C-alpha atoms as a PDB file:
ATOM      1  CA  MET A   1     -42.749   3.767 -69.708  1.00  0.00           C
ATOM      2  CA  SER A   2     -46.258   2.334 -70.396  1.00  0.00           C
ATOM      3  CA  LEU A   3     -49.400   3.975 -69.037  1.00  0.00           C
ATOM      4  CA  ARG A   4     -52.294   1.636 -68.226  1.00  0.00           C
ATOM      5  CA  VAL A   5     -55.648   2.790 -67.139  1.00  0.00           C
ATOM      6  CA  GLN A   6     -58.471   0.259 -66.015  1.00  0.00           C
ATOM      7  CA  SER A   7     -61.997   0.973 -65.411  1.00  0.00           C
ATOM      8  CA  LEU A   8     -61.272   4.444 -64.030  1.00  0.00           C
ATOM      9  CA  GLY A   9     -64.071   6.600 -62.732  1.00  0.00           C
ATOM     10  CA  LYS A  10     -64.333   9.979 -61.112  1.00  0.00           C
ATOM     11  CA  SER A  11     -67.361  11.947 -59.723  1.00  0.00           C
ATOM     12  CA  TYR A  12     -68.101  14.985 -57.657  1.00  0.00           C
ATOM     13  CA  GLY A  13     -70.725  13.817 -55.140  1.00  0.00           C
ATOM     14  CA  ASP A  14     -73.533  12.036 -57.130  1.00  0.00           C
ATOM     15  CA  THR A  15     -72.362  13.681 -60.407  1.00  0.00           C
ATOM     16  CA  PRO A  16     -70.025  11.512 -62.646  1.00  0.00           C
ATOM     17  CA  VAL A  17     -67.257  13.294 -64.377  1.00  0.00           C
ATOM     18  CA  PHE A  18     -66.225  10.243 -66.306  1.00  0.00           C
ATOM     19  CA  ARG A  19     -66.609   6.415 -65.848  1.00  0.00           C
ATOM     20  CA  ASP A  20     -65.442   3.063 -67.017  1.00  0.00           C
ATOM     21  CA  VAL A  21     -62.374   4.563 -68.796  1.00  0.00           C
ATOM     22  CA  SER A  22     -59.823   2.020 -69.818  1.00  0.00           C
ATOM     23  CA  PHE A  23     -56.778   2.322 -72.278  1.00  0.00           C
ATOM     24  CA  THR A  24     -53.096   1.777 -72.705  1.00  0.00           C
ATOM     25  CA  VAL A  25     -50.371   4.107 -74.099  1.00  0.00           C
ATOM     26  CA  THR A  26     -47.071   2.408 -74.834  1.00  0.00           C
ATOM     27  CA  PRO A  27     -43.614   3.742 -74.696  1.00  0.00           C
ATOM     28  CA  GLY A  28     -42.858   6.044 -77.680  1.00  0.00           C
ATOM     29  CA  GLU A  29     -46.356   6.254 -78.730  1.00  0.00           C
ATOM     30  CA  PHE A  30     -48.309   9.414 -79.280  1.00  0.00           C
ATOM     31  CA  VAL A  31     -52.072   9.268 -78.506  1.00  0.00           C
ATOM     32  CA  ALA A  32     -54.601  12.173 -78.797  1.00  0.00           C
ATOM     33  CA  LEU A  33     -57.554  12.452 -76.472  1.00  0.00           C
ATOM     34  CA  VAL A  34     -60.620  14.147 -77.813  1.00  0.00           C
ATOM     35  CA  GLY A  35     -64.260  14.640 -76.912  1.00  0.00           C
ATOM     36  CA  GLU A  36     -66.846  17.286 -76.292  1.00  0.00           C
ATOM     37  CA  SER A  37     -66.453  20.108 -73.831  1.00  0.00           C
ATOM     38  CA  GLY A  38     -67.273  19.242 -70.314  1.00  0.00           C
ATOM     39  CA  VAL A  39     -66.879  15.390 -70.784  1.00  0.00           C
ATOM     40  CA  GLY A  40     -63.875  15.340 -68.445  1.00  0.00           C
ATOM     41  CA  LYS A  41     -60.701  15.380 -70.560  1.00  0.00           C
ATOM     42  CA  SER A  42     -58.671  17.659 -68.478  1.00  0.00           C
ATOM     43  CA  SER A  43     -59.941  15.976 -65.285  1.00  0.00           C
ATOM     44  CA  LEU A  44     -58.778  12.699 -66.653  1.00  0.00           C
ATOM     45  CA  LEU A  45     -55.353  14.082 -67.447  1.00  0.00           C
ATOM     46  CA  ASN A  46     -55.008  15.388 -63.868  1.00  0.00           C
ATOM     47  CA  CYS A  47     -55.864  12.007 -62.545  1.00  0.00           C
ATOM     48  CA  LEU A  48     -53.367  10.368 -64.714  1.00  0.00           C
ATOM     49  CA  ALA A  49     -50.655  12.741 -63.289  1.00  0.00           C
ATOM     50  CA  ALA A  50     -51.949  12.069 -59.709  1.00  0.00           C
ATOM     51  CA  LEU A  51     -52.880  15.871 -59.466  1.00  0.00           C
ATOM     52  CA  ASP A  52     -56.512  14.926 -58.785  1.00  0.00           C
ATOM     53  CA  THR A  53     -58.314  11.876 -57.113  1.00  0.00           C
ATOM     54  CA  TRP A  54     -60.549   9.216 -58.611  1.00  0.00           C
ATOM     55  CA  GLN A  55     -63.106   7.153 -57.042  1.00  0.00           C
ATOM     56  CA  SER A  56     -62.907   3.733 -58.951  1.00  0.00           C
ATOM     57  CA  GLY A  57     -60.369   1.879 -61.045  1.00  0.00           C
ATOM     58  CA  HIS A  58     -56.543   1.873 -61.423  1.00  0.00           C
ATOM     59  CA  ILE A  59     -53.768   3.791 -63.154  1.00  0.00           C
ATOM     60  CA  TRP A  60     -50.476   2.003 -63.632  1.00  0.00           C
ATOM     61  CA  HIS A  61     -47.307   3.438 -64.782  1.00  0.00           C
ATOM     62  CA  ASP A  62     -45.324   0.383 -65.637  1.00  0.00           C
ATOM     63  CA  GLU A  63     -45.704  -1.581 -62.446  1.00  0.00           C
ATOM     64  CA  VAL A  64     -46.521   1.396 -60.220  1.00  0.00           C
ATOM     65  CA  ASP A  65     -50.102   1.626 -59.126  1.00  0.00           C
ATOM     66  CA  LEU A  66     -50.606   5.428 -58.496  1.00  0.00           C
ATOM     67  CA  GLY A  67     -53.570   4.890 -56.250  1.00  0.00           C
ATOM     68  CA  GLN A  68     -51.258   3.000 -53.857  1.00  0.00           C
ATOM     69  CA  LEU A  69     -48.991   5.888 -53.268  1.00  0.00           C
ATOM     70  CA  ASP A  70     -49.396   8.497 -50.695  1.00  0.00           C
ATOM     71  CA  GLU A  71     -49.342  12.181 -51.652  1.00  0.00           C
ATOM     72  CA  ALA A  72     -45.525  12.520 -51.073  1.00  0.00           C
ATOM     73  CA  GLN A  73     -44.799   9.435 -53.044  1.00  0.00           C
ATOM     74  CA  GLN A  74     -46.911  10.671 -55.874  1.00  0.00           C
ATOM     75  CA  ALA A  75     -45.101  13.959 -55.870  1.00  0.00           C
ATOM     76  CA  HIS A  76     -41.778  12.206 -56.007  1.00  0.00           C
ATOM     77  CA  TRP A  77     -43.037   9.953 -58.950  1.00  0.00           C
ATOM     78  CA  ARG A  78     -44.198  13.055 -60.819  1.00  0.00           C
ATOM     79  CA  ARG A  79     -40.740  14.744 -60.438  1.00  0.00           C
ATOM     80  CA  ALA A  80     -38.871  11.774 -61.809  1.00  0.00           C
ATOM     81  CA  HIS A  81     -41.121  10.233 -64.477  1.00  0.00           C
ATOM     82  CA  LEU A  82     -43.626  12.942 -65.740  1.00  0.00           C
ATOM     83  CA  GLY A  83     -43.577  15.948 -67.904  1.00  0.00           C
ATOM     84  CA  PHE A  84     -46.874  17.968 -67.909  1.00  0.00           C
ATOM     85  CA  VAL A  85     -47.579  20.634 -70.358  1.00  0.00           C
ATOM     86  CA  PHE A  86     -50.462  23.077 -69.266  1.00  0.00           C
ATOM     87  CA  GLN A  87     -52.630  25.072 -71.613  1.00  0.00           C
ATOM     88  CA  ALA A  88     -52.286  28.135 -69.315  1.00  0.00           C
ATOM     89  CA  PHE A  89     -48.330  27.800 -69.457  1.00  0.00           C
ATOM     90  CA  HIS A  90     -48.063  28.137 -65.549  1.00  0.00           C
ATOM     91  CA  VAL A  91     -44.511  29.724 -65.875  1.00  0.00           C
ATOM     92  CA  LEU A  92     -43.411  31.616 -62.727  1.00  0.00           C
ATOM     93  CA  PRO A  93     -43.377  35.292 -63.579  1.00  0.00           C
ATOM     94  CA  HIS A  94     -40.512  36.229 -61.227  1.00  0.00           C
ATOM     95  CA  LEU A  95     -38.119  33.785 -62.677  1.00  0.00           C
ATOM     96  CA  ASP A  96     -36.477  34.047 -66.058  1.00  0.00           C
ATOM     97  CA  VAL A  97     -36.851  31.768 -68.874  1.00  0.00           C
ATOM     98  CA  ALA A  98     -33.852  29.553 -68.081  1.00  0.00           C
ATOM     99  CA  GLN A  99     -34.733  29.419 -64.356  1.00  0.00           C
ATOM    100  CA  ASN A 100     -38.390  28.398 -65.218  1.00  0.00           C
ATOM    101  CA  VAL A 101     -36.925  25.559 -67.523  1.00  0.00           C
ATOM    102  CA  ALA A 102     -34.543  24.413 -64.861  1.00  0.00           C
ATOM    103  CA  LEU A 103     -37.027  23.844 -62.113  1.00  0.00           C
ATOM    104  CA  PRO A 104     -37.579  20.133 -62.789  1.00  0.00           C
ATOM    105  CA  LEU A 105     -33.821  19.391 -62.715  1.00  0.00           C
ATOM    106  CA  LEU A 106     -33.397  21.473 -59.540  1.00  0.00           C
ATOM    107  CA  LEU A 107     -36.169  19.574 -57.794  1.00  0.00           C
ATOM    108  CA  LEU A 108     -34.362  16.359 -58.568  1.00  0.00           C
ATOM    109  CA  GLY A 109     -31.087  17.831 -57.389  1.00  0.00           C
ATOM    110  CA  GLN A 110     -29.636  17.561 -60.819  1.00  0.00           C
ATOM    111  CA  ARG A 111     -28.798  21.141 -61.860  1.00  0.00           C
ATOM    112  CA  ASP A 112     -27.508  21.152 -65.473  1.00  0.00           C
ATOM    113  CA  ASP A 113     -27.234  24.495 -67.158  1.00  0.00           C
ATOM    114  CA  ALA A 114     -25.939  22.837 -70.319  1.00  0.00           C
ATOM    115  CA  ARG A 115     -29.056  20.744 -70.631  1.00  0.00           C
ATOM    116  CA  VAL A 116     -31.219  23.863 -70.056  1.00  0.00           C
ATOM    117  CA  ALA A 117     -29.455  25.621 -72.720  1.00  0.00           C
ATOM    118  CA  GLN A 118     -29.906  22.670 -75.076  1.00  0.00           C
ATOM    119  CA  MET A 119     -33.576  22.590 -74.479  1.00  0.00           C
ATOM    120  CA  LEU A 120     -34.022  26.283 -75.102  1.00  0.00           C
ATOM    121  CA  GLU A 121     -32.201  25.871 -78.499  1.00  0.00           C
ATOM    122  CA  ALA A 122     -34.380  22.732 -79.301  1.00  0.00           C
ATOM    123  CA  VAL A 123     -37.649  24.739 -78.805  1.00  0.00           C
ATOM    124  CA  GLY A 124     -36.304  27.786 -80.686  1.00  0.00           C
ATOM    125  CA  LEU A 125     -35.720  29.981 -77.640  1.00  0.00           C
ATOM    126  CA  GLY A 126     -31.878  30.064 -77.744  1.00  0.00           C
ATOM    127  CA  GLY A 127     -30.482  33.322 -76.364  1.00  0.00           C
ATOM    128  CA  LEU A 128     -33.746  34.224 -74.441  1.00  0.00           C
ATOM    129  CA  GLY A 129     -32.929  32.617 -71.210  1.00  0.00           C
ATOM    130  CA  GLN A 130     -32.505  35.720 -69.320  1.00  0.00           C
ATOM    131  CA  ARG A 131     -35.823  37.289 -70.443  1.00  0.00           C
ATOM    132  CA  LEU A 132     -38.827  37.387 -68.064  1.00  0.00           C
ATOM    133  CA  PRO A 133     -42.049  35.644 -69.064  1.00  0.00           C
ATOM    134  CA  ALA A 134     -43.739  39.019 -69.413  1.00  0.00           C
ATOM    135  CA  GLU A 135     -41.483  39.788 -72.291  1.00  0.00           C
ATOM    136  CA  LEU A 136     -42.433  36.784 -74.371  1.00  0.00           C
ATOM    137  CA  SER A 137     -45.442  36.071 -76.658  1.00  0.00           C
ATOM    138  CA  GLY A 138     -47.992  33.351 -76.125  1.00  0.00           C
ATOM    139  CA  GLY A 139     -46.262  31.009 -78.509  1.00  0.00           C
ATOM    140  CA  GLN A 140     -42.953  31.484 -76.863  1.00  0.00           C
ATOM    141  CA  LEU A 141     -44.465  30.899 -73.505  1.00  0.00           C
ATOM    142  CA  GLN A 142     -45.883  27.624 -74.613  1.00  0.00           C
ATOM    143  CA  ARG A 143     -42.476  26.645 -75.892  1.00  0.00           C
ATOM    144  CA  VAL A 144     -41.077  27.530 -72.401  1.00  0.00           C
ATOM    145  CA  ALA A 145     -43.636  25.146 -70.921  1.00  0.00           C
ATOM    146  CA  ILE A 146     -42.656  22.433 -73.320  1.00  0.00           C
ATOM    147  CA  ALA A 147     -38.987  22.791 -72.457  1.00  0.00           C
ATOM    148  CA  ARG A 148     -39.697  22.779 -68.772  1.00  0.00           C
ATOM    149  CA  ALA A 149     -41.703  19.529 -69.115  1.00  0.00           C
ATOM    150  CA  LEU A 150     -39.008  17.800 -71.158  1.00  0.00           C
ATOM    151  CA  VAL A 151     -35.790  19.037 -69.720  1.00  0.00           C
ATOM    152  CA  HIS A 152     -35.437  16.042 -67.248  1.00  0.00           C
ATOM    153  CA  ARG A 153     -36.140  13.574 -70.142  1.00  0.00           C
ATOM    154  CA  PRO A 154     -39.436  12.111 -68.597  1.00  0.00           C
ATOM    155  CA  PRO A 155     -40.569   8.811 -70.024  1.00  0.00           C
ATOM    156  CA  LEU A 156     -44.361  10.058 -69.940  1.00  0.00           C
ATOM    157  CA  VAL A 157     -45.577  13.451 -71.238  1.00  0.00           C
ATOM    158  CA  LEU A 158     -49.257  14.671 -70.653  1.00  0.00           C
ATOM    159  CA  ALA A 159     -50.240  17.766 -72.569  1.00  0.00           C
ATOM    160  CA  ASP A 160     -53.557  19.585 -72.009  1.00  0.00           C
ATOM    161  CA  GLU A 161     -54.545  21.676 -74.858  1.00  0.00           C
ATOM    162  CA  PRO A 162     -51.138  23.063 -75.533  1.00  0.00           C
ATOM    163  CA  THR A 163     -52.183  24.696 -78.712  1.00  0.00           C
ATOM    164  CA  GLY A 164     -55.618  26.062 -77.464  1.00  0.00           C
ATOM    165  CA  ASN A 165     -54.636  29.640 -77.019  1.00  0.00           C
ATOM    166  CA  LEU A 166     -52.562  29.900 -80.102  1.00  0.00           C
ATOM    167  CA  ASP A 167     -53.027  30.872 -83.804  1.00  0.00           C
ATOM    168  CA  PRO A 168     -52.759  28.093 -86.316  1.00  0.00           C
ATOM    169  CA  GLN A 169     -49.305  28.841 -87.515  1.00  0.00           C
ATOM    170  CA  THR A 170     -47.973  29.120 -83.973  1.00  0.00           C
ATOM    171  CA  ALA A 171     -49.947  26.056 -83.068  1.00  0.00           C
ATOM    172  CA  ALA A 172     -48.256  24.047 -85.766  1.00  0.00           C
ATOM    173  CA  ARG A 173     -44.810  25.165 -84.667  1.00  0.00           C
ATOM    174  CA  VAL A 174     -45.501  24.262 -81.057  1.00  0.00           C
ATOM    175  CA  MET A 175     -46.738  20.793 -82.145  1.00  0.00           C
ATOM    176  CA  ASP A 176     -43.636  20.291 -84.166  1.00  0.00           C
ATOM    177  CA  VAL A 177     -41.497  20.972 -81.180  1.00  0.00           C
ATOM    178  CA  LEU A 178     -43.577  18.730 -78.783  1.00  0.00           C
ATOM    179  CA  GLN A 179     -43.594  15.818 -81.139  1.00  0.00           C
ATOM    180  CA  ALA A 180     -39.832  16.186 -82.084  1.00  0.00           C
ATOM    181  CA  GLN A 181     -38.620  16.477 -78.493  1.00  0.00           C
ATOM    182  CA  THR A 182     -40.909  13.514 -77.134  1.00  0.00           C
ATOM    183  CA  GLN A 183     -39.775  11.406 -80.070  1.00  0.00           C
ATOM    184  CA  ALA A 184     -36.130  12.110 -79.482  1.00  0.00           C
ATOM    185  CA  ASN A 185     -36.518  10.864 -75.830  1.00  0.00           C
ATOM    186  CA  GLY A 186     -38.645   7.964 -76.730  1.00  0.00           C
ATOM    187  CA  ALA A 187     -41.428   9.178 -74.427  1.00  0.00           C
ATOM    188  CA  ALA A 188     -44.991   8.293 -74.397  1.00  0.00           C
ATOM    189  CA  LEU A 189     -47.173  11.382 -75.321  1.00  0.00           C
ATOM    190  CA  LEU A 190     -50.830  11.724 -74.392  1.00  0.00           C
ATOM    191  CA  LEU A 191     -52.372  15.013 -75.798  1.00  0.00           C
ATOM    192  CA  VAL A 192     -55.707  16.413 -74.805  1.00  0.00           C
ATOM    193  CA  THR A 193     -57.087  18.627 -77.655  1.00  0.00           C
ATOM    194  CA  HIS A 194     -59.932  20.141 -79.475  1.00  0.00           C
ATOM    195  CA  SER A 195     -57.716  20.680 -82.507  1.00  0.00           C
ATOM    196  CA  GLU A 196     -58.376  18.309 -85.501  1.00  0.00           C
ATOM    197  CA  ALA A 197     -55.077  19.258 -86.900  1.00  0.00           C
ATOM    198  CA  ALA A 198     -53.207  18.293 -83.650  1.00  0.00           C
ATOM    199  CA  ALA A 199     -55.267  15.204 -83.241  1.00  0.00           C
ATOM    200  CA  ALA A 200     -54.590  14.235 -86.855  1.00  0.00           C
ATOM    201  CA  ARG A 201     -50.853  14.078 -86.067  1.00  0.00           C
ATOM    202  CA  ALA A 202     -51.328  11.346 -83.360  1.00  0.00           C
ATOM    203  CA  GLN A 203     -50.826   7.487 -84.106  1.00  0.00           C
ATOM    204  CA  ARG A 204     -54.173   6.965 -82.212  1.00  0.00           C
ATOM    205  CA  VAL A 205     -57.250   8.969 -81.282  1.00  0.00           C
ATOM    206  CA  LEU A 206     -59.257   8.182 -78.115  1.00  0.00           C
ATOM    207  CA  HIS A 207     -62.598   9.705 -77.758  1.00  0.00           C
ATOM    208  CA  LEU A 208     -63.840  10.421 -74.255  1.00  0.00           C
ATOM    209  CA  THR A 209     -67.572   9.904 -73.994  1.00  0.00           C
ATOM    210  CA  ALA A 210     -70.068   9.795 -71.113  1.00  0.00           C
ATOM    211  CA  SER A 211     -69.814   5.810 -71.111  1.00  0.00           C
ATOM    212  CA  GLY A 212     -66.136   5.603 -71.518  1.00  0.00           C
ATOM    213  CA  ILE A 213     -63.377   5.562 -74.281  1.00  0.00           C
ATOM    214  CA  GLU A 214     -63.892   4.822 -77.924  1.00  0.00           C
ATOM    215  CA  THR A 215     -60.847   4.458 -80.136  1.00  0.00           C
ATOM    216  CA  ALA A 216     -60.376   5.468 -83.716  1.00  0.00           C
ATOM    217  CA  ASP A 217     -57.285   5.232 -85.986  1.00  0.00           C
ATOM    218  CA  SER A 218     -55.420   8.231 -86.968  1.00  0.00           C
ATOM    219  CA  PRO A 219     -53.966   8.744 -90.512  1.00  0.00           C
ATOM    220  CA  ASN A 220     -50.524   8.762 -88.813  1.00  0.00           C
ATOM    221  CA  ARG A 221     -51.045   5.298 -87.137  1.00  0.00           C
ATOM    222  CA  GLY A 222     -47.729   3.407 -87.265  1.00  0.00           C
ATOM    223  CA  SER A 223     -45.579   6.520 -87.536  1.00  0.00           C
ATOM    224  CA  ARG A 224     -44.295   9.044 -85.159  1.00  0.00           C
END
């Protein structure tokens, strides 16, 4: 699934958050989005997921214009086509690890315990499915969040600072898992990050500025 953004702008009252943002992410591509704090990276990511509103421009996922969908249609689109990895994990504390990971499948009416177990193994959490989130480390919780985002094999994955709260060694392991799993599914991956190490893994780096998007090649351009 391709992501195409054209002349997107968002503001709060008379205060612009970002403006004139245009770029494309193709199927299977890994793109990093960087920029100074406060420039609107997370707000942009929330707009791309239709979790927030924007005032101008368009967001297309293949031929679907997200701005033309009502809230219920946007929610159904997210369930079927999007995986979102949050910096703050957003796991449900009263559900065990396996139940947290299974949520996207249950929302689609596609319960698949074998698929959940497979994802837990893939992110290095095999055998921990019955543990509660309070029993896990930060790195393990982030891997739960990745497994949950990818369990339904979405064609587009958005990740908001997935390594921001982790030490460098754990961050590297988390990025290994995220890259390997999105690559296995042929998913497009857009990663918001302050980490130079994480951005250097991408095929392409987008710099969000007050006036729009600037593009810079990554050392990994052409590879995944």
